[in-house]
Every structure is written in C-alpha cells, then in structure tokens.
PDB file of N, CA and C in Angstrom:
ATOM      1  N   MET A   1     127.587  -4.738  54.566  1.00  0.00           N
ATOM      2  CA  MET A   1     127.119  -5.943  53.930  1.00  0.00           C
ATOM      3  C   MET A   1     126.820  -5.641  52.466  1.00  0.00           C
ATOM      4  N   ALA A   2     127.359  -6.437  51.591  1.00  0.00           N
ATOM      5  CA  ALA A   2     127.154  -6.233  50.160  1.00  0.00           C
ATOM      6  C   ALA A   2     125.786  -6.760  49.756  1.00  0.00           C
ATOM      7  N   THR A   3     125.165  -6.029  48.860  1.00  0.00           N
ATOM      8  CA  THR A   3     123.866  -6.497  48.375  1.00  0.00           C
ATOM      9  C   THR A   3     124.087  -7.334  47.128  1.00  0.00           C
ATOM     10  N   GLU A   4     123.328  -8.395  47.035  1.00  0.00           N
ATOM     11  CA  GLU A   4     123.436  -9.287  45.887  1.00  0.00           C
ATOM     12  C   GLU A   4     122.351  -8.944  44.890  1.00  0.00           C
ATOM     13  N   LYS A   5     122.745  -8.841  43.638  1.00  0.00           N
ATOM     14  CA  LYS A   5     121.765  -8.635  42.584  1.00  0.00           C
ATOM     15  C   LYS A   5     121.239  -9.989  42.148  1.00  0.00           C
ATOM     16  N   LYS A   6     119.940 -10.072  42.039  1.00  0.00           N
ATOM     17  CA  LYS A   6     119.337 -11.314  41.584  1.00  0.00           C
ATOM     18  C   LYS A   6     119.437 -11.363  40.066  1.00  0.00           C
ATOM     19  N   VAL A   7     119.991 -12.429  39.575  1.00  0.00           N
ATOM     20  CA  VAL A   7     120.111 -12.635  38.141  1.00  0.00           C
ATOM     21  C   VAL A   7     118.892 -13.440  37.694  1.00  0.00           C
ATOM     22  N   ALA A   8     118.157 -12.883  36.756  1.00  0.00           N
ATOM     23  CA  ALA A   8     116.956 -13.553  36.270  1.00  0.00           C
ATOM     24  C   ALA A   8     117.338 -14.767  35.439  1.00  0.00           C
ATOM     25  N   THR A   9     116.669 -15.863  35.716  1.00  0.00           N
ATOM     26  CA  THR A   9     116.904 -17.066  34.926  1.00  0.00           C
ATOM     27  C   THR A   9     116.209 -16.920  33.576  1.00  0.00           C
ATOM     28  N   SER A  10     116.540 -17.803  32.686  1.00  0.00           N
ATOM     29  CA  SER A  10     115.913 -17.796  31.363  1.00  0.00           C
ATOM     30  C   SER A  10     114.396 -17.965  31.495  1.00  0.00           C
ATOM     31  N   ALA A  11     113.957 -18.841  32.378  1.00  0.00           N
ATOM     32  CA  ALA A  11     112.528 -19.079  32.581  1.00  0.00           C
ATOM     33  C   ALA A  11     111.837 -17.830  33.120  1.00  0.00           C
ATOM     34  N   GLU A  12     112.500 -17.126  34.027  1.00  0.00           N
ATOM     35  CA  GLU A  12     111.922 -15.898  34.584  1.00  0.00           C
ATOM     36  C   GLU A  12     111.821 -14.814  33.516  1.00  0.00           C
ATOM     37  N   ARG A  13     112.836 -14.715  32.670  1.00  0.00           N
ATOM     38  CA  ARG A  13     112.795 -13.725  31.588  1.00  0.00           C
ATOM     39  C   ARG A  13     111.681 -14.063  30.598  1.00  0.00           C
ATOM     40  N   GLU A  14     111.532 -15.345  30.303  1.00  0.00           N
ATOM     41  CA  GLU A  14     110.487 -15.786  29.383  1.00  0.00           C
ATOM     42  C   GLU A  14     109.108 -15.499  29.958  1.00  0.00           C
ATOM     43  N   GLN A  15     108.931 -15.769  31.234  1.00  0.00           N
ATOM     44  CA  GLN A  15     107.649 -15.496  31.885  1.00  0.00           C
ATOM     45  C   GLN A  15     107.348 -14.003  31.866  1.00  0.00           C
ATOM     46  N   ALA A  16     108.342 -13.178  32.151  1.00  0.00           N
ATOM     47  CA  ALA A  16     108.157 -11.727  32.130  1.00  0.00           C
ATOM     48  C   ALA A  16     107.765 -11.257  30.733  1.00  0.00           C
ATOM     49  N   LYS A  17     108.379 -11.850  29.717  1.00  0.00           N
ATOM     50  CA  LYS A  17     108.063 -11.491  28.330  1.00  0.00           C
ATOM     51  C   LYS A  17     106.608 -11.836  28.010  1.00  0.00           C
ATOM     52  N   LEU A  18     106.159 -13.005  28.440  1.00  0.00           N
ATOM     53  CA  LEU A  18     104.776 -13.410  28.193  1.00  0.00           C
ATOM     54  C   LEU A  18     103.793 -12.515  28.941  1.00  0.00           C
ATOM     55  N   LEU A  19     104.117 -12.192  30.173  1.00  0.00           N
ATOM     56  CA  LEU A  19     103.239 -11.315  30.947  1.00  0.00           C
ATOM     57  C   LEU A  19     103.152  -9.924  30.325  1.00  0.00           C
ATOM     58  N   ASN A  20     104.246  -9.439  29.773  1.00  0.00           N
ATOM     59  CA  ASN A  20     104.214  -8.151  29.081  1.00  0.00           C
ATOM     60  C   ASN A  20     103.310  -8.207  27.852  1.00  0.00           C
ATOM     61  N   ARG A  21     103.342  -9.339  27.142  1.00  0.00           N
ATOM     62  CA  ARG A  21     102.446  -9.507  25.991  1.00  0.00           C
ATOM     63  C   ARG A  21     100.992  -9.470  26.433  1.00  0.00           C
ATOM     64  N   VAL A  22     100.690 -10.138  27.541  1.00  0.00           N
ATOM     65  CA  VAL A  22      99.322 -10.152  28.066  1.00  0.00           C
ATOM     66  C   VAL A  22      98.894  -8.723  28.411  1.00  0.00           C
ATOM     67  N   ARG A  23      99.760  -7.980  29.027  1.00  0.00           N
ATOM     68  CA  ARG A  23      99.428  -6.596  29.405  1.00  0.00           C
ATOM     69  C   ARG A  23      99.188  -5.725  28.175  1.00  0.00           C
ATOM     70  N   ARG A  24      99.978  -5.930  27.122  1.00  0.00           N
ATOM     71  CA  ARG A  24      99.757  -5.165  25.883  1.00  0.00           C
ATOM     72  C   ARG A  24      98.400  -5.497  25.276  1.00  0.00           C
ATOM     73  N   VAL A  25      98.062  -6.790  25.242  1.00  0.00           N
ATOM     74  CA  VAL A  25      96.770  -7.202  24.697  1.00  0.00           C
ATOM     75  C   VAL A  25      95.646  -6.613  25.539  1.00  0.00           C
ATOM     76  N   ARG A  26      95.794  -6.643  26.850  1.00  0.00           N
ATOM     77  CA  ARG A  26      94.775  -6.067  27.735  1.00  0.00           C
ATOM     78  C   ARG A  26      94.598  -4.579  27.441  1.00  0.00           C
ATOM     79  N   GLY A  27      95.703  -3.879  27.226  1.00  0.00           N
ATOM     80  CA  GLY A  27      95.634  -2.459  26.881  1.00  0.00           C
ATOM     81  C   GLY A  27      94.921  -2.250  25.554  1.00  0.00           C
ATOM     82  N   GLN A  28      95.186  -3.125  24.594  1.00  0.00           N
ATOM     83  CA  GLN A  28      94.502  -3.024  23.306  1.00  0.00           C
ATOM     84  C   GLN A  28      93.004  -3.266  23.457  1.00  0.00           C
ATOM     85  N   LEU A  29      92.630  -4.241  24.264  1.00  0.00           N
ATOM     86  CA  LEU A  29      91.206  -4.506  24.492  1.00  0.00           C
ATOM     87  C   LEU A  29      90.531  -3.344  25.210  1.00  0.00           C
ATOM     88  N   ASP A  30      91.249  -2.722  26.141  1.00  0.00           N
ATOM     89  CA  ASP A  30      90.712  -1.534  26.799  1.00  0.00           C
ATOM     90  C   ASP A  30      90.465  -0.426  25.775  1.00  0.00           C
ATOM     91  N   GLY A  31      91.359  -0.312  24.795  1.00  0.00           N
ATOM     92  CA  GLY A  31      91.187   0.666  23.725  1.00  0.00           C
ATOM     93  C   GLY A  31      89.950   0.371  22.886  1.00  0.00           C
ATOM     94  N   VAL A  32      89.687  -0.904  22.626  1.00  0.00           N
ATOM     95  CA  VAL A  32      88.475  -1.290  21.893  1.00  0.00           C
ATOM     96  C   VAL A  32      87.245  -0.879  22.691  1.00  0.00           C
ATOM     97  N   GLU A  33      87.264  -1.164  23.983  1.00  0.00           N
ATOM     98  CA  GLU A  33      86.120  -0.815  24.826  1.00  0.00           C
ATOM     99  C   GLU A  33      85.878   0.697  24.814  1.00  0.00           C
ATOM    100  N   ARG A  34      86.947   1.477  24.975  1.00  0.00           N
ATOM    101  CA  ARG A  34      86.799   2.940  24.955  1.00  0.00           C
ATOM    102  C   ARG A  34      86.251   3.423  23.609  1.00  0.00           C
ATOM    103  N   SER A  35      86.741   2.812  22.532  1.00  0.00           N
ATOM    104  CA  SER A  35      86.281   3.203  21.195  1.00  0.00           C
ATOM    105  C   SER A  35      84.802   2.905  21.007  1.00  0.00           C
ATOM    106  N   LEU A  36      84.371   1.756  21.486  1.00  0.00           N
ATOM    107  CA  LEU A  36      82.951   1.404  21.375  1.00  0.00           C
ATOM    108  C   LEU A  36      82.086   2.322  22.231  1.00  0.00           C
ATOM    109  N   GLN A  37      82.565   2.618  23.432  1.00  0.00           N
ATOM    110  CA  GLN A  37      81.803   3.496  24.319  1.00  0.00           C
ATOM    111  C   GLN A  37      81.675   4.911  23.763  1.00  0.00           C
ATOM    112  N   SER A  38      82.701   5.371  23.085  1.00  0.00           N
ATOM    113  CA  SER A  38      82.681   6.738  22.564  1.00  0.00           C
ATOM    114  C   SER A  38      82.034   6.824  21.185  1.00  0.00           C
ATOM    115  N   GLY A  39      81.623   5.686  20.626  1.00  0.00           N
ATOM    116  CA  GLY A  39      80.954   5.683  19.340  1.00  0.00           C
ATOM    117  C   GLY A  39      81.880   5.940  18.166  1.00  0.00           C
ATOM    118  N   GLU A  40      83.121   5.521  18.277  1.00  0.00           N
ATOM    119  CA  GLU A  40      84.079   5.713  17.182  1.00  0.00           C
ATOM    120  C   GLU A  40      83.627   4.987  15.922  1.00  0.00           C
ATOM    121  N   ASP A  41      84.200   5.415  14.819  1.00  0.00           N
ATOM    122  CA  ASP A  41      83.924   4.832  13.519  1.00  0.00           C
ATOM    123  C   ASP A  41      84.243   3.339  13.530  1.00  0.00           C
ATOM    124  N   CYS A  42      83.413   2.553  12.848  1.00  0.00           N
ATOM    125  CA  CYS A  42      83.599   1.097  12.793  1.00  0.00           C
ATOM    126  C   CYS A  42      84.975   0.712  12.253  1.00  0.00           C
ATOM    127  N   ALA A  43      85.477   1.462  11.292  1.00  0.00           N
ATOM    128  CA  ALA A  43      86.786   1.144  10.710  1.00  0.00           C
ATOM    129  C   ALA A  43      87.879   1.222  11.771  1.00  0.00           C
ATOM    130  N   ASN A  44      87.809   2.215  12.644  1.00  0.00           N
ATOM    131  CA  ASN A  44      88.797   2.342  13.726  1.00  0.00           C
ATOM    132  C   ASN A  44      88.690   1.178  14.704  1.00  0.00           C
ATOM    133  N   VAL A  45      87.470   0.798  15.034  1.00  0.00           N
ATOM    134  CA  VAL A  45      87.258  -0.324  15.960  1.00  0.00           C
ATOM    135  C   VAL A  45      87.794  -1.615  15.332  1.00  0.00           C
ATOM    136  N   LEU A  46      87.547  -1.799  14.051  1.00  0.00           N
ATOM    137  CA  LEU A  46      88.043  -3.001  13.368  1.00  0.00           C
ATOM    138  C   LEU A  46      89.568  -3.048  13.363  1.00  0.00           C
ATOM    139  N   MET A  47      90.198  -1.912  13.179  1.00  0.00           N
ATOM    140  CA  MET A  47      91.663  -1.871  13.223  1.00  0.00           C
ATOM    141  C   MET A  47      92.173  -2.247  14.614  1.00  0.00           C
ATOM    142  N   LEU A  48      91.518  -1.751  15.636  1.00  0.00           N
ATOM    143  CA  LEU A  48      91.902  -2.104  17.013  1.00  0.00           C
ATOM    144  C   LEU A  48      91.698  -3.599  17.268  1.00  0.00           C
ATOM    145  N   LEU A  49      90.598  -4.132  16.765  1.00  0.00           N
ATOM    146  CA  LEU A  49      90.336  -5.565  16.934  1.00  0.00           C
ATOM    147  C   LEU A  49      91.373  -6.409  16.206  1.00  0.00           C
ATOM    148  N   ALA A  50      91.792  -5.970  15.031  1.00  0.00           N
ATOM    149  CA  ALA A  50      92.823  -6.698  14.295  1.00  0.00           C
ATOM    150  C   ALA A  50      94.135  -6.706  15.080  1.00  0.00           C
ATOM    151  N   ALA A  51      94.450  -5.581  15.721  1.00  0.00           N
ATOM    152  CA  ALA A  51      95.657  -5.520  16.546  1.00  0.00           C
ATOM    153  C   ALA A  51      95.542  -6.474  17.732  1.00  0.00           C
ATOM    154  N   CYS A  52      94.370  -6.553  18.336  1.00  0.00           N
ATOM    155  CA  CYS A  52      94.147  -7.491  19.448  1.00  0.00           C
ATOM    156  C   CYS A  52      94.335  -8.929  18.985  1.00  0.00           C
ATOM    157  N   ARG A  53      93.759  -9.239  17.840  1.00  0.00           N
ATOM    158  CA  ARG A  53      93.889 -10.597  17.307  1.00  0.00           C
ATOM    159  C   ARG A  53      95.351 -10.941  17.053  1.00  0.00           C
ATOM    160  N   GLY A  54      96.086  -9.993  16.502  1.00  0.00           N
ATOM    161  CA  GLY A  54      97.511 -10.225  16.261  1.00  0.00           C
ATOM    162  C   GLY A  54      98.267 -10.452  17.559  1.00  0.00           C
ATOM    163  N   GLY A  55      97.928  -9.664  18.581  1.00  0.00           N
ATOM    164  CA  GLY A  55      98.581  -9.820  19.882  1.00  0.00           C
ATOM    165  C   GLY A  55      98.286 -11.162  20.519  1.00  0.00           C
ATOM    166  N   ILE A  56      97.043 -11.590  20.443  1.00  0.00           N
ATOM    167  CA  ILE A  56      96.654 -12.898  20.992  1.00  0.00           C
ATOM    168  C   ILE A  56      97.351 -14.016  20.225  1.00  0.00           C
ATOM    169  N   SER A  57      97.388 -13.904  18.904  1.00  0.00           N
ATOM    170  CA  SER A  57      98.041 -14.938  18.086  1.00  0.00           C
ATOM    171  C   SER A  57      99.523 -15.038  18.421  1.00  0.00           C
ATOM    172  N   ALA A  58     100.181 -13.890  18.591  1.00  0.00           N
ATOM    173  CA  ALA A  58     101.603 -13.901  18.929  1.00  0.00           C
ATOM    174  C   ALA A  58     101.825 -14.528  20.307  1.00  0.00           C
ATOM    175  N   LEU A  59     100.960 -14.204  21.256  1.00  0.00           N
ATOM    176  CA  LEU A  59     101.055 -14.787  22.594  1.00  0.00           C
ATOM    177  C   LEU A  59     100.847 -16.295  22.531  1.00  0.00           C
ATOM    178  N   MET A  60      99.858 -16.712  21.775  1.00  0.00           N
ATOM    179  CA  MET A  60      99.578 -18.139  21.646  1.00  0.00           C
ATOM    180  C   MET A  60     100.752 -18.875  21.010  1.00  0.00           C
ATOM    181  N   ALA A  61     101.349 -18.288  19.997  1.00  0.00           N
ATOM    182  CA  ALA A  61     102.499 -18.905  19.339  1.00  0.00           C
ATOM    183  C   ALA A  61     103.669 -19.041  20.303  1.00  0.00           C
ATOM    184  N   GLU A  62     103.910 -18.025  21.115  1.00  0.00           N
ATOM    185  CA  GLU A  62     105.012 -18.081  22.093  1.00  0.00           C
ATOM    186  C   GLU A  62     104.790 -19.197  23.106  1.00  0.00           C
ATOM    187  N   VAL A  63     103.572 -19.286  23.641  1.00  0.00           N
ATOM    188  CA  VAL A  63     103.278 -20.316  24.647  1.00  0.00           C
ATOM    189  C   VAL A  63     103.377 -21.702  24.020  1.00  0.00           C
ATOM    190  N   LEU A  64     102.878 -21.852  22.808  1.00  0.00           N
ATOM    191  CA  LEU A  64     102.959 -23.141  22.132  1.00  0.00           C
ATOM    192  C   LEU A  64     104.404 -23.511  21.837  1.00  0.00           C
ATOM    193  N   GLU A  65     105.199 -22.542  21.427  1.00  0.00           N
ATOM    194  CA  GLU A  65     106.621 -22.796  21.183  1.00  0.00           C
ATOM    195  C   GLU A  65     107.303 -23.286  22.454  1.00  0.00           C
ATOM    196  N   ASP A  66     107.031 -22.634  23.572  1.00  0.00           N
ATOM    197  CA  ASP A  66     107.612 -23.072  24.848  1.00  0.00           C
ATOM    198  C   ASP A  66     107.167 -24.488  25.184  1.00  0.00           C
ATOM    199  N   HIS A  67     105.895 -24.776  24.952  1.00  0.00           N
ATOM    200  CA  HIS A  67     105.373 -26.113  25.244  1.00  0.00           C
ATOM    201  C   HIS A  67     106.096 -27.168  24.408  1.00  0.00           C
ATOM    202  N   ILE A  68     106.286 -26.876  23.136  1.00  0.00           N
ATOM    203  CA  ILE A  68     106.982 -27.821  22.250  1.00  0.00           C
ATOM    204  C   ILE A  68     108.404 -28.049  22.746  1.00  0.00           C
ATOM    205  N   ARG A  69     109.102 -26.968  23.020  1.00  0.00           N
ATOM    206  CA  ARG A  69     110.498 -27.080  23.432  1.00  0.00           C
ATOM    207  C   ARG A  69     110.653 -27.761  24.794  1.00  0.00           C
ATOM    208  N   LEU A  70     109.756 -27.465  25.723  1.00  0.00           N
ATOM    209  CA  LEU A  70     109.933 -27.937  27.093  1.00  0.00           C
ATOM    210  C   LEU A  70     109.288 -29.284  27.388  1.00  0.00           C
ATOM    211  N   HIS A  71     108.231 -29.640  26.654  1.00  0.00           N
ATOM    212  CA  HIS A  71     107.483 -30.830  27.044  1.00  0.00           C
ATOM    213  C   HIS A  71     107.428 -31.922  25.975  1.00  0.00           C
ATOM    214  N   LEU A  72     107.305 -31.549  24.720  1.00  0.00           N
ATOM    215  CA  LEU A  72     107.147 -32.568  23.687  1.00  0.00           C
ATOM    216  C   LEU A  72     108.454 -33.223  23.275  1.00  0.00           C
ATOM    217  N   LEU A  73     109.553 -32.593  23.572  1.00  0.00           N
ATOM    218  CA  LEU A  73     110.829 -33.068  23.047  1.00  0.00           C
ATOM    219  C   LEU A  73     111.660 -33.843  24.055  1.00  0.00           C
ATOM    220  N   GLN A  74     111.145 -34.047  25.242  1.00  0.00           N
ATOM    221  CA  GLN A  74     111.904 -34.780  26.249  1.00  0.00           C
ATOM    222  C   GLN A  74     112.072 -36.233  25.826  1.00  0.00           C
ATOM    223  N   GLY A  75     113.255 -36.769  26.028  1.00  0.00           N
ATOM    224  CA  GLY A  75     113.525 -38.164  25.720  1.00  0.00           C
ATOM    225  C   GLY A  75     114.056 -38.406  24.321  1.00  0.00           C
ATOM    226  N   ARG A  76     114.185 -37.370  23.522  1.00  0.00           N
ATOM    227  CA  ARG A  76     114.744 -37.512  22.175  1.00  0.00           C
ATOM    228  C   ARG A  76     116.184 -37.033  22.183  1.00  0.00           C
ATOM    229  N   SER A  77     116.929 -37.440  21.164  1.00  0.00           N
ATOM    230  CA  SER A  77     118.300 -36.939  21.056  1.00  0.00           C
ATOM    231  C   SER A  77     118.247 -35.435  20.843  1.00  0.00           C
ATOM    232  N   LYS A  78     119.307 -34.775  21.228  1.00  0.00           N
ATOM    233  CA  LYS A  78     119.350 -33.318  21.132  1.00  0.00           C
ATOM    234  C   LYS A  78     119.156 -32.856  19.683  1.00  0.00           C
ATOM    235  N   GLU A  79     119.814 -33.520  18.739  1.00  0.00           N
ATOM    236  CA  GLU A  79     119.706 -33.122  17.332  1.00  0.00           C
ATOM    237  C   GLU A  79     118.296 -33.379  16.793  1.00  0.00           C
ATOM    238  N   ALA A  80     117.736 -34.545  17.104  1.00  0.00           N
ATOM    239  CA  ALA A  80     116.377 -34.861  16.650  1.00  0.00           C
ATOM    240  C   ALA A  80     115.367 -33.915  17.278  1.00  0.00           C
ATOM    241  N   SER A  81     115.569 -33.599  18.538  1.00  0.00           N
ATOM    242  CA  SER A  81     114.672 -32.683  19.234  1.00  0.00           C
ATOM    243  C   SER A  81     114.704 -31.293  18.609  1.00  0.00           C
ATOM    244  N   LYS A  82     115.902 -30.811  18.312  1.00  0.00           N
ATOM    245  CA  LYS A  82     116.030 -29.481  17.725  1.00  0.00           C
ATOM    246  C   LYS A  82     115.377 -29.429  16.357  1.00  0.00           C
ATOM    247  N   ASP A  83     115.591 -30.448  15.540  1.00  0.00           N
ATOM    248  CA  ASP A  83     114.983 -30.482  14.207  1.00  0.00           C
ATOM    249  C   ASP A  83     113.459 -30.525  14.296  1.00  0.00           C
ATOM    250  N   LEU A  84     112.941 -31.372  15.175  1.00  0.00           N
ATOM    251  CA  LEU A  84     111.493 -31.479  15.345  1.00  0.00           C
ATOM    252  C   LEU A  84     110.929 -30.167  15.860  1.00  0.00           C
ATOM    253  N   ALA A  85     111.584 -29.586  16.829  1.00  0.00           N
ATOM    254  CA  ALA A  85     111.116 -28.317  17.388  1.00  0.00           C
ATOM    255  C   ALA A  85     111.092 -27.231  16.325  1.00  0.00           C
ATOM    256  N   ASP A  86     112.156 -27.125  15.550  1.00  0.00           N
ATOM    257  CA  ASP A  86     112.218 -26.093  14.508  1.00  0.00           C
ATOM    258  C   ASP A  86     111.112 -26.280  13.480  1.00  0.00           C
ATOM    259  N   ASP A  87     110.862 -27.534  13.076  1.00  0.00           N
ATOM    260  CA  ASP A  87     109.800 -27.798  12.112  1.00  0.00           C
ATOM    261  C   ASP A  87     108.428 -27.429  12.670  1.00  0.00           C
ATOM    262  N   LEU A  88     108.154 -27.851  13.885  1.00  0.00           N
ATOM    263  CA  LEU A  88     106.861 -27.552  14.502  1.00  0.00           C
ATOM    264  C   LEU A  88     106.678 -26.047  14.707  1.00  0.00           C
ATOM    265  N   ILE A  89     107.723 -25.376  15.126  1.00  0.00           N
ATOM    266  CA  ILE A  89     107.651 -23.938  15.372  1.00  0.00           C
ATOM    267  C   ILE A  89     107.403 -23.182  14.061  1.00  0.00           C
ATOM    268  N   ASP A  90     108.052 -23.610  12.979  1.00  0.00           N
ATOM    269  CA  ASP A  90     107.812 -22.982  11.677  1.00  0.00           C
ATOM    270  C   ASP A  90     106.351 -23.135  11.257  1.00  0.00           C
ATOM    271  N   ILE A  91     105.797 -24.323  11.472  1.00  0.00           N
ATOM    272  CA  ILE A  91     104.404 -24.564  11.128  1.00  0.00           C
ATOM    273  C   ILE A  91     103.478 -23.688  11.960  1.00  0.00           C
ATOM    274  N   VAL A  92     103.743 -23.613  13.242  1.00  0.00           N
ATOM    275  CA  VAL A  92     102.910 -22.811  14.140  1.00  0.00           C
ATOM    276  C   VAL A  92     102.967 -21.340  13.748  1.00  0.00           C
ATOM    277  N   HIS A  93     104.163 -20.828  13.501  1.00  0.00           N
ATOM    278  CA  HIS A  93     104.304 -19.422  13.122  1.00  0.00           C
ATOM    279  C   HIS A  93     103.566 -19.147  11.801  1.00  0.00           C
ATOM    280  N   ALA A  94     103.660 -20.070  10.848  1.00  0.00           N
ATOM    281  CA  ALA A  94     102.956 -19.886   9.576  1.00  0.00           C
ATOM    282  C   ALA A  94     101.440 -19.879   9.805  1.00  0.00           C
ATOM    283  N   TYR A  95     100.957 -20.715  10.693  1.00  0.00           N
ATOM    284  CA  TYR A  95      99.527 -20.793  10.973  1.00  0.00           C
ATOM    285  C   TYR A  95      98.997 -19.497  11.575  1.00  0.00           C
ATOM    286  N   PHE A  96      99.762 -18.882  12.462  1.00  0.00           N
ATOM    287  CA  PHE A  96      99.282 -17.700  13.169  1.00  0.00           C
ATOM    288  C   PHE A  96      99.505 -16.381  12.425  1.00  0.00           C
ATOM    289  N   LYS A  97     100.091 -16.446  11.249  1.00  0.00           N
ATOM    290  CA  LYS A  97     100.290 -15.196  10.489  1.00  0.00           C
ATOM    291  C   LYS A  97      99.016 -14.741   9.853  1.00  0.00           C
TER     292      LYS A  97
END
C-alpha cells in the first residue's frame, strides 16, 4: 500500500508560520526572565525587551494582514480588493516599525 504525503494548504502553512513566531517570542520572554533572575545588566535586559517588542509587533502585523485579506475584502472586485489590501498593509507595516 502506497503512503500518501499530506500536502499542506496555504492556510496550514500560514498557521504554522504564526505559531513559530509565537514560539520565538515565548523564547525571547523566557530569556528576559532568566536575565532578570540572574541580575543581568539593565542594558542587556532592555535589548531583550526590545527584541520581544519587535517580535510581538511582527506577529501582530501578520495577523492583521491576514484579517484584512481574508475578512475585510470580501464582496469587492478583485482589483479593488488588492489595491485596498496593499494600501492597508503598507500602513500597518509602517505603524509597527
């Protein structure tokens, strides 16, 4: 009997990507906790916190982008939807930088 390989859908790949981002942020937060517990220099802790903030912002931008593409654009023409999505996504990315 031949085994079938499961081909991941676009949605499954996107979900896996988001979950990986969450895991990276969790790892960064664990690093902050370890640094605080060990009494590391404030500058090092601040750098770790900045990395956490960047990770959260990137995750938030990805989820918001998906929301715009999947939910806000239904019922519009394909061209109008793409233009609106691109404009909104550019604004969101600029905000989270």
